[in-house]
C-alpha atoms as a PDB file:
ATOM      1  CA  MET A   1       0.000   0.000   0.000  1.00  0.00           C
ATOM      2  CA  GLY A   2       1.371   3.424  -0.933  1.00  0.00           C
ATOM      3  CA  LYS A   3       1.402   6.680   0.936  1.00  0.00           C
ATOM      4  CA  LEU A   4      -1.808   8.620   1.114  1.00  0.00           C
ATOM      5  CA  LYS A   5      -1.698  11.943  -0.662  1.00  0.00           C
ATOM      6  CA  SER A   6      -2.346  14.848   1.618  1.00  0.00           C
ATOM      7  CA  SER A   7      -5.285  17.072   0.757  1.00  0.00           C
ATOM      8  CA  VAL A   8      -3.435  19.983   2.358  1.00  0.00           C
ATOM      9  CA  SER A   9      -0.856  21.790   0.229  1.00  0.00           C
ATOM     10  CA  SER A  10       2.772  21.898   1.327  1.00  0.00           C
ATOM     11  CA  LYS A  11       2.513  25.681   1.625  1.00  0.00           C
ATOM     12  CA  SER A  12      -0.304  25.295   4.157  1.00  0.00           C
ATOM     13  CA  ARG A  13       1.681  22.654   6.055  1.00  0.00           C
ATOM     14  CA  LYS A  14       4.696  24.986   6.253  1.00  0.00           C
ATOM     15  CA  GLU A  15       2.502  27.585   7.923  1.00  0.00           C
ATOM     16  CA  LEU A  16       1.754  25.049  10.691  1.00  0.00           C
ATOM     17  CA  LEU A  17       5.379  25.038  11.860  1.00  0.00           C
ATOM     18  CA  GLU A  18       5.926  26.750  15.196  1.00  0.00           C
ATOM     19  CA  THR A  19       9.213  27.595  16.841  1.00  0.00           C
ATOM     20  CA  GLY A  20       8.108  27.970  20.461  1.00  0.00           C
ATOM     21  CA  LEU A  21       7.031  24.356  20.952  1.00  0.00           C
ATOM     22  CA  GLU A  22       8.781  21.633  22.924  1.00  0.00           C
ATOM     23  CA  ILE A  23       8.862  19.543  19.742  1.00  0.00           C
ATOM     24  CA  SER A  24      11.947  20.184  17.647  1.00  0.00           C
ATOM     25  CA  LYS A  25      11.663  21.645  14.175  1.00  0.00           C
ATOM     26  CA  ASN A  26      12.987  18.386  12.679  1.00  0.00           C
ATOM     27  CA  THR A  27      10.254  16.375  14.383  1.00  0.00           C
ATOM     28  CA  GLN A  28       7.587  18.817  13.206  1.00  0.00           C
ATOM     29  CA  LEU A  29       8.893  18.567   9.640  1.00  0.00           C
ATOM     30  CA  LYS A  30       8.817  14.784   9.813  1.00  0.00           C
ATOM     31  CA  LEU A  31       5.267  14.723  11.185  1.00  0.00           C
ATOM     32  CA  LEU A  32       4.046  17.156   8.524  1.00  0.00           C
ATOM     33  CA  SER A  33       5.920  15.328   5.719  1.00  0.00           C
ATOM     34  CA  ILE A  34       7.777  18.476   4.685  1.00  0.00           C
ATOM     35  CA  PRO A  35      11.298  18.147   3.281  1.00  0.00           C
ATOM     36  CA  LYS A  36      13.850  20.027   5.388  1.00  0.00           C
ATOM     37  CA  SER A  37      15.346  21.633   2.288  1.00  0.00           C
ATOM     38  CA  SER A  38      12.078  23.381   1.438  1.00  0.00           C
ATOM     39  CA  ILE A  39      12.185  25.321   4.707  1.00  0.00           C
ATOM     40  CA  TYR A  40      15.673  26.714   4.178  1.00  0.00           C
ATOM     41  CA  TYR A  41      15.418  27.299   0.412  1.00  0.00           C
ATOM     42  CA  LYS A  42      15.704  30.904  -0.715  1.00  0.00           C
ATOM     43  CA  ALA A  43      14.919  31.718  -4.320  1.00  0.00           C
ATOM     44  CA  VAL A  44      17.758  33.162  -6.353  1.00  0.00           C
ATOM     45  CA  VAL A  45      17.133  36.805  -7.155  1.00  0.00           C
ATOM     46  CA  PRO A  46      17.951  37.757 -10.746  1.00  0.00           C
ATOM     47  CA  PHE A  47      20.453  40.517 -11.362  1.00  0.00           C
ATOM     48  CA  SER A  48      19.102  43.716  -9.943  1.00  0.00           C
ATOM     49  CA  SER A  49      21.859  45.968 -11.165  1.00  0.00           C
ATOM     50  CA  ASP A  50      22.801  47.100 -14.639  1.00  0.00           C
ATOM     51  CA  THR A  51      26.394  45.926 -14.158  1.00  0.00           C
ATOM     52  CA  GLY A  52      25.244  42.334 -13.750  1.00  0.00           C
ATOM     53  CA  GLN A  53      23.311  42.564 -16.994  1.00  0.00           C
ATOM     54  CA  GLU A  54      26.298  44.169 -18.730  1.00  0.00           C
ATOM     55  CA  ILE A  55      28.550  41.291 -17.653  1.00  0.00           C
ATOM     56  CA  LEU A  56      26.019  38.786 -18.998  1.00  0.00           C
ATOM     57  CA  ASN A  57      25.972  40.656 -22.312  1.00  0.00           C
ATOM     58  CA  VAL A  58      29.781  40.556 -22.530  1.00  0.00           C
ATOM     59  CA  ILE A  59      29.806  36.821 -21.770  1.00  0.00           C
ATOM     60  CA  ASP A  60      27.140  36.274 -24.427  1.00  0.00           C
ATOM     61  CA  LYS A  61      29.189  38.165 -27.041  1.00  0.00           C
ATOM     62  CA  ILE A  62      32.317  36.144 -26.194  1.00  0.00           C
ATOM     63  CA  TYR A  63      30.437  32.855 -26.325  1.00  0.00           C
ATOM     64  CA  THR A  64      28.752  33.788 -29.615  1.00  0.00           C
ATOM     65  CA  LYS A  65      32.113  34.591 -31.175  1.00  0.00           C
ATOM     66  CA  TYR A  66      33.989  31.639 -29.609  1.00  0.00           C
ATOM     67  CA  PRO A  67      31.466  28.882 -28.774  1.00  0.00           C
ATOM     68  CA  TYR A  68      34.279  26.402 -28.123  1.00  0.00           C
ATOM     69  CA  TYR A  69      35.626  28.441 -25.178  1.00  0.00           C
ATOM     70  CA  GLY A  70      35.106  26.853 -21.791  1.00  0.00           C
ATOM     71  CA  HIS A  71      34.134  28.754 -18.680  1.00  0.00           C
ATOM     72  CA  ARG A  72      37.763  29.276 -17.651  1.00  0.00           C
ATOM     73  CA  ARG A  73      38.735  30.957 -20.897  1.00  0.00           C
ATOM     74  CA  VAL A  74      35.540  33.029 -20.942  1.00  0.00           C
ATOM     75  CA  HIS A  75      36.354  34.133 -17.399  1.00  0.00           C
ATOM     76  CA  LYS A  76      39.875  35.145 -18.462  1.00  0.00           C
ATOM     77  CA  THR A  77      38.519  37.018 -21.471  1.00  0.00           C
ATOM     78  CA  VAL A  78      35.954  38.953 -19.430  1.00  0.00           C
ATOM     79  CA  ARG A  79      38.657  40.302 -17.131  1.00  0.00           C
END
């Protein structure tokens, strides 16, 4: 027999976590069937500055001109 699917979304289960309890966070995660990694995951924020976008454009130009370059040579060329 397989696991029963929960009718409650994982987002709703995450909201059930409490820090002030006598039960450890690990035990709560186990009881709620929430992976530990999903609690500590932080989404990667895309480049917020123009310099980051400029660097990506330079890398794109280098790679377009020399598609056989590896990341080390591209890194050297960007400098």
